[in-house]
Amino acid sequence: MSIANFSYRASNKVFGKNGKNAFLQTLSKASLKYYKAEKSAYTRMAEFVEGVCQLRPHRRMHDMQSDRWYYPDLSAVPYPDTSKFNWIPMLESRWQDIRNEYLSLEKYGILHGHQNAYHTEKGQWDTFYLTSVGYPLPEIDKICPITCQLLSEIPETHGAGPAYFSIMRPGTKVAPHYGPFNYRLRCHLGLSIPNNCGIDVADERREWQEGRCLVLDDSILHSVWNDSSENRAVLLFDFWHPELSLAERKTLELIDSVTATRKYYIETVRKNQKESVNAFFSAKRKSSRHNLLETS
């Protein structure tokens, strides 16, 4: 079955009203632009679309993996080997600069609750978004210039997914849940890591380390906790699964641009961040005026 042969009912459910037409137009552009040299990838993409639209069963690579947006034949391990990603040393070498930018956000109190706060069993899970789908949000580069620049130097993040500071307040527990996409991996760079906090992916527990990256496949069932009396902070971002071809990456990025759920997510993130950016500059101006009065 080709990509074009799936039902209006299934595609509209996944991609919104009149979703099939928008989706087929997107794939038509992608096919012409990206698949001339990679025709074998087209077959895998067709299987992916049929699975999303519930026209064929998914062939999961891990027993504890989500099948919501399952891309076929991608390896799935709870914690991929960080040595396989050549950009990690660059990121780790600048971790203190990144942490300083995070701490400036804490100073002005502009962090807000996570988009998926419903996963939080107890406590508070806060965030500050730097990108929405791998590209900078407006004005963020003025607040966190170093972090934004470093992320921009990692091609695998471009168009892949969000990047944000993820802060678990003391006593927070995030229930076991799945990330929706297996075609992206997730990186955590430890910034402020107290004792008694950790992550569990497929019943395999790990702890973060300050200045070190931890990579996970978040399409596999995972949970997170902070049982300490201090904040746990990491820089979190998504990047493309390394087994995808360039054609597949570009097509998945185009698919994201027409899905109703993704559009809502991006719009919500942009709205929240606009409020946070305004609050940051307002708080900074107040602080400057206060310091000026104290010295005059």
Foldseek 3Di string as FASTA:
>chain_A
DALLPDDPVLQCVWQNVVRSVLLVVLVVVLCVPPCPPPVVVRVQVSVQSCQLSVNDPADDQDPQFDSNRERPDFHADFFDDPVVAPLFVVCLVCLQLQLVLVVLLVVLVLWDADPPCVQKPDATKTKAWQDAQLAGFPPSCVSRVVVNVSSVVRVQRHRHGTKIKIKTAAFIKGHWDADNYQQKKKKWAWDDFDPDWWKAFPNDIDGHDHSGMTIGRRSGTMIIGHNDNGMTIITMGIGGRPVDDPSRSVSVSSSLVRGPVSVVSSVVSNVSNVVSSVSSVVSVVVVVVVVVVVVD
